[in-house]
Amino acid sequence: MSLTAGSRPDGTRPATAVEEPAAALAPKAVPKKRAAGKVHWRVRLRRDRALILMTLPAVGLLLLFNYVPLLGNVVAFQDYDPYASSNGITAIFHSPWVGIEQFSRMLDDPQFWTAVKNTIVLFLLQLVLFFPIPIALALLINSVIRPRVRAVAQAIMYLPHFFSWVLVVTVFQQIFGGAGIIAQTMERHGWGGFDLMTNASLFKFLVTAQSVWKDAGWGIIVFLAALAAVSTDLYEAAAMDGAGRWRRMWHVTLPALRPVIARLLVLRVGDALSVGFEQFLLQRDAVGRGASEVLDTYVWNVGIQFGDFSYAAAVGLIKGVIGICLVLGANKFAHLLGEQGVYRK
């Protein structure tokens, strides 16, 4: 028997690369690769366990005092009676349901609409007068060249933030009250009496001035931190192009502050219906409820003084829902202007 070229004595031919088994030619399963930069959650948990343990107490306090009380809003749909059971919590399960009766009552309450009107007027006034003042003061302090003078000015403006509202109202009473410095000075010169603290028509301007004096320093720190992040190269380039101080402020400083301004403005709009509680409660007897009643004091007056917990919960619930809608709307408007707002798209 003759052997052909490349054949074995037994008549078989050696396997070539072309004649490899089908299993060897089948594509091998490629392990799925994780996206670039993405770390498995177990790895992140093990890596950040110390930080997570540090934040657990804060998260627990937030849940306990901010989210668990939200469950009590169920009384807004009840005729809640705290004496229906042995304690106030179990009384929720024994109080009768009334549906939206409390909300219908709210729409027919003229005192509620008075509180809403005062709240909106004070918010708009503080938005126009109070919000721009920290920006202007931050720009003024930032323009001071000497660091010591800048530090002293910032400390003086920030100090009233630590004062209680009782002390703030007392200071204004000693200055603008009927027996204050201004009234005594006017009487010594033969002029009539002066008492701004009991003037109901000017009360909204008075509380706005108090808010500016107390909390403008806090806003200054925020804007100064944003100004510190602005590169000095931008100012030098603008100066080389012939831009003066006002031009540099308009084309360099204010654009750098715009994201911070948009974010704080969104938060301010979301807090529109919370213009203050203690500040107005301390001065309501001097000017009357018609000028000083806002939603926060109205809820306290109805719920705590008169014990109408269901109606007070309904007002507070509506206030919270409107606040959430204002935050979402203002943040969407910030996105339309090209800013990030409080959260991204």
C-alpha atoms as a PDB file:
ATOM      1  CA  MET A   1       0.000   0.000   0.000  1.00  0.00           C
ATOM      2  CA  SER A   2       1.472   3.296  -1.001  1.00  0.00           C
ATOM      3  CA  LEU A   3       1.392   6.217   1.363  1.00  0.00           C
ATOM      4  CA  THR A   4       0.373   9.589   0.149  1.00  0.00           C
ATOM      5  CA  ALA A   5       2.294  12.674   1.114  1.00  0.00           C
ATOM      6  CA  GLY A   6       1.548  13.816   4.620  1.00  0.00           C
ATOM      7  CA  SER A   7      -0.232  10.598   5.572  1.00  0.00           C
ATOM      8  CA  ARG A   8       0.594   8.345   8.523  1.00  0.00           C
ATOM      9  CA  PRO A   9       1.339   4.600   8.261  1.00  0.00           C
ATOM     10  CA  ASP A  10      -2.178   3.872   9.532  1.00  0.00           C
ATOM     11  CA  GLY A  11      -3.664   5.857   6.687  1.00  0.00           C
ATOM     12  CA  THR A  12      -4.768   8.835   8.799  1.00  0.00           C
ATOM     13  CA  ARG A  13      -3.720  12.393   8.149  1.00  0.00           C
ATOM     14  CA  PRO A  14      -2.518  14.798  10.861  1.00  0.00           C
ATOM     15  CA  ALA A  15      -4.929  17.562  11.789  1.00  0.00           C
ATOM     16  CA  THR A  16      -4.084  20.932  10.303  1.00  0.00           C
ATOM     17  CA  ALA A  17      -5.016  24.415  11.452  1.00  0.00           C
ATOM     18  CA  VAL A  18      -7.860  24.431   8.965  1.00  0.00           C
ATOM     19  CA  GLU A  19      -9.194  21.139  10.213  1.00  0.00           C
ATOM     20  CA  GLU A  20      -9.340  22.072  13.938  1.00  0.00           C
ATOM     21  CA  PRO A  21     -12.366  20.834  15.848  1.00  0.00           C
ATOM     22  CA  ALA A  22     -15.489  22.969  15.757  1.00  0.00           C
ATOM     23  CA  ALA A  23     -15.284  23.495  19.519  1.00  0.00           C
ATOM     24  CA  ALA A  24     -11.894  25.118  19.129  1.00  0.00           C
ATOM     25  CA  LEU A  25     -13.245  27.442  16.426  1.00  0.00           C
ATOM     26  CA  ALA A  26     -16.254  28.562  18.529  1.00  0.00           C
ATOM     27  CA  PRO A  27     -15.903  32.083  19.972  1.00  0.00           C
ATOM     28  CA  LYS A  28     -14.893  32.091  23.605  1.00  0.00           C
ATOM     29  CA  ALA A  29     -17.083  33.848  26.174  1.00  0.00           C
ATOM     30  CA  VAL A  30     -15.505  37.183  26.962  1.00  0.00           C
ATOM     31  CA  PRO A  31     -16.014  38.261  30.574  1.00  0.00           C
ATOM     32  CA  LYS A  32     -18.129  41.387  30.858  1.00  0.00           C
ATOM     33  CA  LYS A  33     -15.983  44.334  31.757  1.00  0.00           C
ATOM     34  CA  ARG A  34     -17.154  46.911  34.268  1.00  0.00           C
ATOM     35  CA  ALA A  35     -17.630  50.425  32.996  1.00  0.00           C
ATOM     36  CA  ALA A  36     -14.544  52.567  33.251  1.00  0.00           C
ATOM     37  CA  GLY A  37     -14.305  54.316  36.593  1.00  0.00           C
ATOM     38  CA  LYS A  38     -17.214  52.379  38.145  1.00  0.00           C
ATOM     39  CA  VAL A  39     -16.424  50.604  41.397  1.00  0.00           C
ATOM     40  CA  HIS A  40     -18.488  47.750  42.776  1.00  0.00           C
ATOM     41  CA  TRP A  41     -20.780  48.760  45.630  1.00  0.00           C
ATOM     42  CA  ARG A  42     -19.137  46.236  47.974  1.00  0.00           C
ATOM     43  CA  VAL A  43     -15.767  47.816  47.335  1.00  0.00           C
ATOM     44  CA  ARG A  44     -17.196  51.288  47.933  1.00  0.00           C
ATOM     45  CA  LEU A  45     -18.876  50.088  51.136  1.00  0.00           C
ATOM     46  CA  ARG A  46     -15.653  48.607  52.449  1.00  0.00           C
ATOM     47  CA  ARG A  47     -13.678  51.666  51.397  1.00  0.00           C
ATOM     48  CA  ASP A  48     -16.040  54.254  52.883  1.00  0.00           C
ATOM     49  CA  ARG A  49     -17.233  52.352  55.956  1.00  0.00           C
ATOM     50  CA  ALA A  50     -15.622  54.868  58.333  1.00  0.00           C
ATOM     51  CA  LEU A  51     -17.413  57.806  56.688  1.00  0.00           C
ATOM     52  CA  ILE A  52     -20.688  55.899  56.638  1.00  0.00           C
ATOM     53  CA  LEU A  53     -20.432  55.138  60.347  1.00  0.00           C
ATOM     54  CA  MET A  54     -19.742  58.832  61.035  1.00  0.00           C
ATOM     55  CA  THR A  55     -22.850  59.930  59.139  1.00  0.00           C
ATOM     56  CA  LEU A  56     -25.211  57.372  60.688  1.00  0.00           C
ATOM     57  CA  PRO A  57     -25.971  59.491  63.820  1.00  0.00           C
ATOM     58  CA  ALA A  58     -26.779  62.526  61.672  1.00  0.00           C
ATOM     59  CA  VAL A  59     -28.987  60.437  59.386  1.00  0.00           C
ATOM     60  CA  GLY A  60     -30.730  58.948  62.421  1.00  0.00           C
ATOM     61  CA  LEU A  61     -31.442  62.386  63.882  1.00  0.00           C
ATOM     62  CA  LEU A  62     -32.709  63.591  60.499  1.00  0.00           C
ATOM     63  CA  LEU A  63     -35.082  60.658  60.208  1.00  0.00           C
ATOM     64  CA  LEU A  64     -36.256  60.961  63.799  1.00  0.00           C
ATOM     65  CA  PHE A  65     -36.953  64.693  63.894  1.00  0.00           C
ATOM     66  CA  ASN A  66     -37.666  65.549  60.247  1.00  0.00           C
ATOM     67  CA  TYR A  67     -39.238  62.546  58.549  1.00  0.00           C
ATOM     68  CA  VAL A  68     -40.955  60.521  61.249  1.00  0.00           C
ATOM     69  CA  PRO A  69     -43.083  63.556  62.300  1.00  0.00           C
ATOM     70  CA  LEU A  70     -44.372  63.725  58.722  1.00  0.00           C
ATOM     71  CA  LEU A  71     -46.502  60.698  59.538  1.00  0.00           C
ATOM     72  CA  GLY A  72     -48.472  62.939  61.871  1.00  0.00           C
ATOM     73  CA  ASN A  73     -49.857  64.848  58.909  1.00  0.00           C
ATOM     74  CA  VAL A  74     -52.549  62.192  58.760  1.00  0.00           C
ATOM     75  CA  VAL A  75     -54.450  64.205  61.405  1.00  0.00           C
ATOM     76  CA  ALA A  76     -55.100  66.836  58.712  1.00  0.00           C
ATOM     77  CA  PHE A  77     -57.715  64.432  57.358  1.00  0.00           C
ATOM     78  CA  GLN A  78     -59.212  63.709  60.773  1.00  0.00           C
ATOM     79  CA  ASP A  79     -61.087  65.444  63.529  1.00  0.00           C
ATOM     80  CA  TYR A  80     -58.206  64.755  65.850  1.00  0.00           C
ATOM     81  CA  ASP A  81     -58.939  64.473  69.559  1.00  0.00           C
ATOM     82  CA  PRO A  82     -55.823  64.000  71.718  1.00  0.00           C
ATOM     83  CA  TYR A  83     -58.018  62.749  74.575  1.00  0.00           C
ATOM     84  CA  ALA A  84     -59.576  59.947  72.535  1.00  0.00           C
ATOM     85  CA  SER A  85     -56.972  57.565  73.932  1.00  0.00           C
ATOM     86  CA  SER A  86     -54.444  57.285  76.722  1.00  0.00           C
ATOM     87  CA  ASN A  87     -51.776  59.151  74.705  1.00  0.00           C
ATOM     88  CA  GLY A  88     -51.636  61.421  71.694  1.00  0.00           C
ATOM     89  CA  ILE A  89     -50.133  58.852  69.332  1.00  0.00           C
ATOM     90  CA  THR A  90     -52.739  56.141  69.789  1.00  0.00           C
ATOM     91  CA  ALA A  91     -55.429  58.836  69.685  1.00  0.00           C
ATOM     92  CA  ILE A  92     -54.748  59.107  65.940  1.00  0.00           C
ATOM     93  CA  PHE A  93     -56.237  55.628  65.472  1.00  0.00           C
ATOM     94  CA  HIS A  94     -59.363  56.529  67.458  1.00  0.00           C
ATOM     95  CA  SER A  95     -60.100  59.917  65.821  1.00  0.00           C
ATOM     96  CA  PRO A  96     -62.795  60.044  63.124  1.00  0.00           C
ATOM     97  CA  TRP A  97     -61.931  60.697  59.491  1.00  0.00           C
ATOM     98  CA  VAL A  98     -63.359  63.848  57.914  1.00  0.00           C
ATOM     99  CA  GLY A  99     -61.599  63.812  54.524  1.00  0.00           C
ATOM    100  CA  ILE A 100     -60.896  67.272  53.119  1.00  0.00           C
ATOM    101  CA  GLU A 101     -63.162  69.095  55.549  1.00  0.00           C
ATOM    102  CA  GLN A 102     -60.217  70.897  57.174  1.00  0.00           C
ATOM    103  CA  PHE A 103     -58.979  72.123  53.787  1.00  0.00           C
ATOM    104  CA  SER A 104     -62.433  73.421  52.854  1.00  0.00           C
ATOM    105  CA  ARG A 105     -62.571  75.238  56.144  1.00  0.00           C
ATOM    106  CA  MET A 106     -59.194  76.765  55.380  1.00  0.00           C
ATOM    107  CA  LEU A 107     -60.422  78.283  52.126  1.00  0.00           C
ATOM    108  CA  ASP A 108     -63.329  79.940  53.942  1.00  0.00           C
ATOM    109  CA  ASP A 109     -61.204  81.368  56.779  1.00  0.00           C
ATOM    110  CA  PRO A 110     -60.469  85.122  56.292  1.00  0.00           C
ATOM    111  CA  GLN A 111     -57.715  85.043  58.916  1.00  0.00           C
ATOM    112  CA  PHE A 112     -55.910  82.399  56.889  1.00  0.00           C
ATOM    113  CA  TRP A 113     -55.936  84.603  53.801  1.00  0.00           C
ATOM    114  CA  THR A 114     -54.698  87.546  55.868  1.00  0.00           C
ATOM    115  CA  ALA A 115     -51.758  85.434  56.990  1.00  0.00           C
ATOM    116  CA  VAL A 116     -51.103  84.358  53.377  1.00  0.00           C
ATOM    117  CA  LYS A 117     -51.182  87.963  52.163  1.00  0.00           C
ATOM    118  CA  ASN A 118     -48.778  89.155  54.872  1.00  0.00           C
ATOM    119  CA  THR A 119     -46.447  86.225  54.181  1.00  0.00           C
ATOM    120  CA  ILE A 120     -46.289  86.879  50.440  1.00  0.00           C
ATOM    121  CA  VAL A 121     -45.801  90.640  50.880  1.00  0.00           C
ATOM    122  CA  LEU A 122     -42.985  90.115  53.376  1.00  0.00           C
ATOM    123  CA  PHE A 123     -41.327  87.504  51.161  1.00  0.00           C
ATOM    124  CA  LEU A 124     -41.354  89.779  48.110  1.00  0.00           C
ATOM    125  CA  LEU A 125     -40.074  92.700  50.148  1.00  0.00           C
ATOM    126  CA  GLN A 126     -37.255  90.660  51.648  1.00  0.00           C
ATOM    127  CA  LEU A 127     -36.425  89.181  48.253  1.00  0.00           C
ATOM    128  CA  VAL A 128     -36.013  92.668  46.772  1.00  0.00           C
ATOM    129  CA  LEU A 129     -34.341  94.384  49.736  1.00  0.00           C
ATOM    130  CA  PHE A 130     -32.674  91.646  51.757  1.00  0.00           C
ATOM    131  CA  PHE A 131     -31.322  89.233  49.141  1.00  0.00           C
ATOM    132  CA  PRO A 132     -29.115  91.701  47.166  1.00  0.00           C
ATOM    133  CA  ILE A 133     -27.561  93.278  50.279  1.00  0.00           C
ATOM    134  CA  PRO A 134     -25.189  90.377  51.155  1.00  0.00           C
ATOM    135  CA  ILE A 135     -24.001  90.374  47.533  1.00  0.00           C
ATOM    136  CA  ALA A 136     -23.280  94.104  47.610  1.00  0.00           C
ATOM    137  CA  LEU A 137     -21.540  93.877  50.990  1.00  0.00           C
ATOM    138  CA  ALA A 138     -19.447  90.897  49.844  1.00  0.00           C
ATOM    139  CA  LEU A 139     -18.320  92.841  46.772  1.00  0.00           C
ATOM    140  CA  LEU A 140     -17.510  95.827  48.981  1.00  0.00           C
ATOM    141  CA  ILE A 141     -15.464  93.789  51.455  1.00  0.00           C
ATOM    142  CA  ASN A 142     -13.711  91.922  48.650  1.00  0.00           C
ATOM    143  CA  SER A 143     -12.588  95.235  47.150  1.00  0.00           C
ATOM    144  CA  VAL A 144     -10.776  96.184  50.373  1.00  0.00           C
ATOM    145  CA  ILE A 145      -7.073  95.624  49.813  1.00  0.00           C
ATOM    146  CA  ARG A 146      -5.855  95.472  53.416  1.00  0.00           C
ATOM    147  CA  PRO A 147      -6.581  92.003  54.881  1.00  0.00           C
ATOM    148  CA  ARG A 148      -6.846  93.254  58.477  1.00  0.00           C
ATOM    149  CA  VAL A 149      -9.515  95.811  57.621  1.00  0.00           C
ATOM    150  CA  ARG A 150     -11.374  93.173  55.618  1.00  0.00           C
ATOM    151  CA  ALA A 151     -11.311  90.698  58.520  1.00  0.00           C
ATOM    152  CA  VAL A 152     -12.540  93.282  61.037  1.00  0.00           C
ATOM    153  CA  ALA A 153     -15.393  94.421  58.756  1.00  0.00           C
ATOM    154  CA  GLN A 154     -16.456  90.845  58.113  1.00  0.00           C
ATOM    155  CA  ALA A 155     -16.435  89.995  61.842  1.00  0.00           C
ATOM    156  CA  ILE A 156     -18.548  93.048  62.720  1.00  0.00           C
ATOM    157  CA  MET A 157     -21.130  92.221  60.056  1.00  0.00           C
ATOM    158  CA  TYR A 158     -21.239  88.541  60.980  1.00  0.00           C
ATOM    159  CA  LEU A 159     -21.587  89.041  64.745  1.00  0.00           C
ATOM    160  CA  PRO A 160     -25.386  89.757  64.820  1.00  0.00           C
ATOM    161  CA  HIS A 161     -26.041  86.339  63.305  1.00  0.00           C
ATOM    162  CA  PHE A 162     -25.357  84.829  66.741  1.00  0.00           C
ATOM    163  CA  PHE A 163     -27.870  87.090  68.486  1.00  0.00           C
ATOM    164  CA  SER A 164     -31.269  85.712  69.414  1.00  0.00           C
ATOM    165  CA  TRP A 165     -34.394  87.401  68.092  1.00  0.00           C
ATOM    166  CA  VAL A 166     -35.171  88.561  71.610  1.00  0.00           C
ATOM    167  CA  LEU A 167     -31.918  90.531  71.675  1.00  0.00           C
ATOM    168  CA  VAL A 168     -32.432  91.854  68.140  1.00  0.00           C
ATOM    169  CA  VAL A 169     -35.921  93.146  68.934  1.00  0.00           C
ATOM    170  CA  THR A 170     -34.629  94.662  72.172  1.00  0.00           C
ATOM    171  CA  VAL A 171     -31.868  96.524  70.339  1.00  0.00           C
ATOM    172  CA  PHE A 172     -34.332  97.924  67.817  1.00  0.00           C
ATOM    173  CA  GLN A 173     -36.693  98.841  70.644  1.00  0.00           C
ATOM    174  CA  GLN A 174     -33.958 100.856  72.344  1.00  0.00           C
ATOM    175  CA  ILE A 175     -33.274 102.698  69.091  1.00  0.00           C
ATOM    176  CA  PHE A 176     -36.624 103.066  67.335  1.00  0.00           C
ATOM    177  CA  GLY A 177     -39.090 102.613  70.211  1.00  0.00           C
ATOM    178  CA  GLY A 178     -41.154 105.295  71.940  1.00  0.00           C
ATOM    179  CA  ALA A 179     -38.495 105.635  74.659  1.00  0.00           C
ATOM    180  CA  GLY A 180     -35.595 104.949  72.339  1.00  0.00           C
ATOM    181  CA  ILE A 181     -32.634 107.084  71.374  1.00  0.00           C
ATOM    182  CA  ILE A 182     -34.282 108.635  68.310  1.00  0.00           C
ATOM    183  CA  ALA A 183     -37.495 109.528  70.179  1.00  0.00           C
ATOM    184  CA  GLN A 184     -35.584 111.127  73.067  1.00  0.00           C
ATOM    185  CA  THR A 185     -33.391 113.125  70.700  1.00  0.00           C
ATOM    186  CA  MET A 186     -36.432 114.427  68.815  1.00  0.00           C
ATOM    187  CA  GLU A 187     -38.180 115.403  72.061  1.00  0.00           C
ATOM    188  CA  ARG A 188     -35.139 117.353  73.241  1.00  0.00           C
ATOM    189  CA  HIS A 189     -35.277 119.385  70.034  1.00  0.00           C
ATOM    190  CA  GLY A 190     -38.998 120.089  70.406  1.00  0.00           C
ATOM    191  CA  TRP A 191     -40.290 117.636  67.821  1.00  0.00           C
ATOM    192  CA  GLY A 192     -43.169 115.197  68.260  1.00  0.00           C
ATOM    193  CA  GLY A 193     -42.920 111.680  69.535  1.00  0.00           C
ATOM    194  CA  PHE A 194     -41.499 108.872  67.466  1.00  0.00           C
ATOM    195  CA  ASP A 195     -42.293 105.172  67.838  1.00  0.00           C
ATOM    196  CA  LEU A 196     -41.520 102.965  64.871  1.00  0.00           C
ATOM    197  CA  MET A 197     -42.024  99.742  66.831  1.00  0.00           C
ATOM    198  CA  THR A 198     -45.805 100.256  67.085  1.00  0.00           C
ATOM    199  CA  ASN A 199     -46.383 101.536  63.543  1.00  0.00           C
ATOM    200  CA  ALA A 200     -48.402  98.821  61.806  1.00  0.00           C
ATOM    201  CA  SER A 201     -48.084 100.356  58.321  1.00  0.00           C
ATOM    202  CA  LEU A 202     -44.258 100.312  58.506  1.00  0.00           C
ATOM    203  CA  PHE A 203     -43.970  96.978  60.275  1.00  0.00           C
ATOM    204  CA  LYS A 204     -42.974  95.061  57.146  1.00  0.00           C
ATOM    205  CA  PHE A 205     -40.044  97.421  56.570  1.00  0.00           C
ATOM    206  CA  LEU A 206     -39.063  97.136  60.231  1.00  0.00           C
ATOM    207  CA  VAL A 207     -38.861  93.330  60.201  1.00  0.00           C
ATOM    208  CA  THR A 208     -36.965  93.433  56.904  1.00  0.00           C
ATOM    209  CA  ALA A 209     -34.393  95.786  58.458  1.00  0.00           C
ATOM    210  CA  GLN A 210     -34.098  93.438  61.427  1.00  0.00           C
ATOM    211  CA  SER A 211     -33.494  90.463  59.122  1.00  0.00           C
ATOM    212  CA  VAL A 212     -30.870  92.388  57.168  1.00  0.00           C
ATOM    213  CA  TRP A 213     -29.021  93.424  60.322  1.00  0.00           C
ATOM    214  CA  LYS A 214     -29.101  89.914  61.791  1.00  0.00           C
ATOM    215  CA  ASP A 215     -28.476  87.610  58.835  1.00  0.00           C
ATOM    216  CA  ALA A 216     -26.710  89.623  56.137  1.00  0.00           C
ATOM    217  CA  GLY A 217     -23.336  88.564  57.561  1.00  0.00           C
ATOM    218  CA  TRP A 218     -24.138  84.900  56.962  1.00  0.00           C
ATOM    219  CA  GLY A 219     -24.766  85.550  53.282  1.00  0.00           C
ATOM    220  CA  ILE A 220     -21.558  87.565  53.050  1.00  0.00           C
ATOM    221  CA  ILE A 221     -19.506  84.508  54.012  1.00  0.00           C
ATOM    222  CA  VAL A 222     -21.107  82.412  51.279  1.00  0.00           C
ATOM    223  CA  PHE A 223     -20.432  84.982  48.569  1.00  0.00           C
ATOM    224  CA  LEU A 224     -16.899  85.703  49.804  1.00  0.00           C
ATOM    225  CA  ALA A 225     -16.136  81.986  49.527  1.00  0.00           C
ATOM    226  CA  ALA A 226     -17.368  82.066  45.933  1.00  0.00           C
ATOM    227  CA  LEU A 227     -15.257  85.144  45.204  1.00  0.00           C
ATOM    228  CA  ALA A 228     -12.163  83.463  46.621  1.00  0.00           C
ATOM    229  CA  ALA A 229     -12.468  80.772  43.936  1.00  0.00           C
ATOM    230  CA  VAL A 230     -12.271  83.299  41.095  1.00  0.00           C
ATOM    231  CA  SER A 231      -8.895  83.138  39.371  1.00  0.00           C
ATOM    232  CA  THR A 232      -6.826  86.328  39.587  1.00  0.00           C
ATOM    233  CA  ASP A 233      -5.713  85.690  35.999  1.00  0.00           C
ATOM    234  CA  LEU A 234      -9.169  86.742  34.837  1.00  0.00           C
ATOM    235  CA  TYR A 235      -8.854  90.102  36.596  1.00  0.00           C
ATOM    236  CA  GLU A 236      -5.339  90.610  35.233  1.00  0.00           C
ATOM    237  CA  ALA A 237      -6.454  89.777  31.697  1.00  0.00           C
ATOM    238  CA  ALA A 238      -9.411  92.148  31.976  1.00  0.00           C
ATOM    239  CA  ALA A 239      -7.137  94.904  33.316  1.00  0.00           C
ATOM    240  CA  MET A 240      -4.706  94.402  30.429  1.00  0.00           C
ATOM    241  CA  ASP A 241      -7.628  94.789  28.029  1.00  0.00           C
ATOM    242  CA  GLY A 242      -8.378  98.164  29.572  1.00  0.00           C
ATOM    243  CA  ALA A 243     -11.305  97.191  31.815  1.00  0.00           C
ATOM    244  CA  GLY A 244     -11.752  99.404  34.854  1.00  0.00           C
ATOM    245  CA  ARG A 245     -12.971  98.346  38.302  1.00  0.00           C
ATOM    246  CA  TRP A 246     -16.653  98.444  37.375  1.00  0.00           C
ATOM    247  CA  ARG A 247     -16.057  96.600  34.117  1.00  0.00           C
ATOM    248  CA  ARG A 248     -14.116  93.875  35.931  1.00  0.00           C
ATOM    249  CA  MET A 249     -16.896  93.530  38.478  1.00  0.00           C
ATOM    250  CA  TRP A 250     -19.576  93.313  35.773  1.00  0.00           C
ATOM    251  CA  HIS A 251     -17.768  90.928  33.410  1.00  0.00           C
ATOM    252  CA  VAL A 252     -15.695  88.830  35.841  1.00  0.00           C
ATOM    253  CA  THR A 253     -17.023  88.979  39.396  1.00  0.00           C
ATOM    254  CA  LEU A 254     -20.772  88.802  38.832  1.00  0.00           C
ATOM    255  CA  PRO A 255     -20.580  85.924  36.276  1.00  0.00           C
ATOM    256  CA  ALA A 256     -18.508  83.997  38.830  1.00  0.00           C
ATOM    257  CA  LEU A 257     -21.187  84.592  41.475  1.00  0.00           C
ATOM    258  CA  ARG A 258     -24.101  83.710  39.211  1.00  0.00           C
ATOM    259  CA  PRO A 259     -24.214  79.946  40.039  1.00  0.00           C
ATOM    260  CA  VAL A 260     -24.173  80.688  43.786  1.00  0.00           C
ATOM    261  CA  ILE A 261     -26.800  83.406  43.400  1.00  0.00           C
ATOM    262  CA  ALA A 262     -29.053  81.048  41.420  1.00  0.00           C
ATOM    263  CA  ARG A 263     -28.705  78.281  44.010  1.00  0.00           C
ATOM    264  CA  LEU A 264     -29.415  80.550  46.980  1.00  0.00           C
ATOM    265  CA  LEU A 265     -32.304  82.162  45.129  1.00  0.00           C
ATOM    266  CA  VAL A 266     -33.904  78.765  44.525  1.00  0.00           C
ATOM    267  CA  LEU A 267     -33.605  77.946  48.231  1.00  0.00           C
ATOM    268  CA  ARG A 268     -34.967  81.357  49.142  1.00  0.00           C
ATOM    269  CA  VAL A 269     -37.992  80.915  46.887  1.00  0.00           C
ATOM    270  CA  GLY A 270     -38.629  77.476  48.372  1.00  0.00           C
ATOM    271  CA  ASP A 271     -38.649  79.049  51.823  1.00  0.00           C
ATOM    272  CA  ALA A 272     -41.042  81.789  50.711  1.00  0.00           C
ATOM    273  CA  LEU A 273     -43.838  80.809  53.092  1.00  0.00           C
ATOM    274  CA  SER A 274     -41.509  80.631  56.124  1.00  0.00           C
ATOM    275  CA  VAL A 275     -40.617  84.263  56.696  1.00  0.00           C
ATOM    276  CA  GLY A 276     -40.144  83.789  60.427  1.00  0.00           C
ATOM    277  CA  PHE A 277     -41.865  82.818  63.645  1.00  0.00           C
ATOM    278  CA  GLU A 278     -40.146  84.127  66.745  1.00  0.00           C
ATOM    279  CA  GLN A 279     -39.462  87.528  65.180  1.00  0.00           C
ATOM    280  CA  PHE A 280     -43.173  88.104  64.510  1.00  0.00           C
ATOM    281  CA  LEU A 281     -44.431  86.469  67.674  1.00  0.00           C
ATOM    282  CA  LEU A 282     -42.379  88.851  69.815  1.00  0.00           C
ATOM    283  CA  GLN A 283     -43.823  91.944  68.106  1.00  0.00           C
ATOM    284  CA  ARG A 284     -47.429  90.964  67.363  1.00  0.00           C
ATOM    285  CA  ASP A 285     -48.812  92.650  70.492  1.00  0.00           C
ATOM    286  CA  ALA A 286     -47.213  95.966  69.513  1.00  0.00           C
ATOM    287  CA  VAL A 287     -48.646  96.190  65.994  1.00  0.00           C
ATOM    288  CA  GLY A 288     -51.606  93.803  66.120  1.00  0.00           C
ATOM    289  CA  ARG A 289     -52.341  90.533  64.391  1.00  0.00           C
ATOM    290  CA  GLY A 290     -53.483  92.215  61.189  1.00  0.00           C
ATOM    291  CA  ALA A 291     -49.946  93.379  60.389  1.00  0.00           C
ATOM    292  CA  SER A 292     -47.858  90.650  62.032  1.00  0.00           C
ATOM    293  CA  GLU A 293     -49.829  87.468  61.365  1.00  0.00           C
ATOM    294  CA  VAL A 294     -47.934  85.139  58.999  1.00  0.00           C
ATOM    295  CA  LEU A 295     -48.465  81.465  58.289  1.00  0.00           C
ATOM    296  CA  ASP A 296     -46.024  80.277  60.952  1.00  0.00           C
ATOM    297  CA  THR A 297     -47.636  82.322  63.715  1.00  0.00           C
ATOM    298  CA  TYR A 298     -51.090  81.431  62.408  1.00  0.00           C
ATOM    299  CA  VAL A 299     -50.355  77.698  62.689  1.00  0.00           C
ATOM    300  CA  TRP A 300     -48.992  78.193  66.203  1.00  0.00           C
ATOM    301  CA  ASN A 301     -51.970  80.297  67.225  1.00  0.00           C
ATOM    302  CA  VAL A 302     -54.547  77.830  65.888  1.00  0.00           C
ATOM    303  CA  GLY A 303     -52.793  74.636  66.893  1.00  0.00           C
ATOM    304  CA  ILE A 304     -51.144  75.464  70.220  1.00  0.00           C
ATOM    305  CA  GLN A 305     -53.291  78.213  71.699  1.00  0.00           C
ATOM    306  CA  PHE A 306     -56.699  76.943  70.580  1.00  0.00           C
ATOM    307  CA  GLY A 307     -55.855  73.229  70.328  1.00  0.00           C
ATOM    308  CA  ASP A 308     -57.247  72.789  66.814  1.00  0.00           C
ATOM    309  CA  PHE A 309     -54.537  70.342  65.783  1.00  0.00           C
ATOM    310  CA  SER A 310     -56.227  68.989  62.668  1.00  0.00           C
ATOM    311  CA  TYR A 311     -56.772  72.403  61.146  1.00  0.00           C
ATOM    312  CA  ALA A 312     -53.216  73.502  62.022  1.00  0.00           C
ATOM    313  CA  ALA A 313     -51.854  70.302  60.422  1.00  0.00           C
ATOM    314  CA  ALA A 314     -53.858  71.001  57.262  1.00  0.00           C
ATOM    315  CA  VAL A 315     -52.420  74.523  57.005  1.00  0.00           C
ATOM    316  CA  GLY A 316     -48.905  73.220  57.602  1.00  0.00           C
ATOM    317  CA  LEU A 317     -49.374  70.488  55.011  1.00  0.00           C
ATOM    318  CA  ILE A 318     -50.514  72.938  52.346  1.00  0.00           C
ATOM    319  CA  LYS A 319     -47.590  75.199  53.240  1.00  0.00           C
ATOM    320  CA  GLY A 320     -45.122  72.341  52.775  1.00  0.00           C
ATOM    321  CA  VAL A 321     -46.606  71.217  49.460  1.00  0.00           C
ATOM    322  CA  ILE A 322     -46.509  74.767  48.071  1.00  0.00           C
ATOM    323  CA  GLY A 323     -42.898  75.105  49.252  1.00  0.00           C
ATOM    324  CA  ILE A 324     -41.897  71.931  47.389  1.00  0.00           C
ATOM    325  CA  CYS A 325     -43.621  73.170  44.220  1.00  0.00           C
ATOM    326  CA  LEU A 326     -41.816  76.506  44.494  1.00  0.00           C
ATOM    327  CA  VAL A 327     -38.443  74.777  44.845  1.00  0.00           C
ATOM    328  CA  LEU A 328     -39.078  72.570  41.817  1.00  0.00           C
ATOM    329  CA  GLY A 329     -40.337  75.491  39.732  1.00  0.00           C
ATOM    330  CA  ALA A 330     -37.470  77.794  40.697  1.00  0.00           C
ATOM    331  CA  ASN A 331     -34.938  75.041  40.037  1.00  0.00           C
ATOM    332  CA  LYS A 332     -36.462  74.391  36.607  1.00  0.00           C
ATOM    333  CA  PHE A 333     -36.225  78.097  35.858  1.00  0.00           C
ATOM    334  CA  ALA A 334     -32.555  78.025  36.866  1.00  0.00           C
ATOM    335  CA  HIS A 335     -31.992  75.166  34.412  1.00  0.00           C
ATOM    336  CA  LEU A 336     -33.602  77.221  31.650  1.00  0.00           C
ATOM    337  CA  LEU A 337     -31.121  80.011  32.418  1.00  0.00           C
ATOM    338  CA  GLY A 338     -28.232  77.579  32.104  1.00  0.00           C
ATOM    339  CA  GLU A 339     -27.527  77.208  35.817  1.00  0.00           C
ATOM    340  CA  GLN A 340     -27.412  74.054  37.894  1.00  0.00           C
ATOM    341  CA  GLY A 341     -29.680  75.143  40.745  1.00  0.00           C
ATOM    342  CA  VAL A 342     -29.868  72.921  43.805  1.00  0.00           C
ATOM    343  CA  TYR A 343     -29.687  69.714  41.751  1.00  0.00           C
ATOM    344  CA  ARG A 344     -28.794  68.813  38.199  1.00  0.00           C
ATOM    345  CA  LYS A 345     -31.188  67.939  35.414  1.00  0.00           C
END
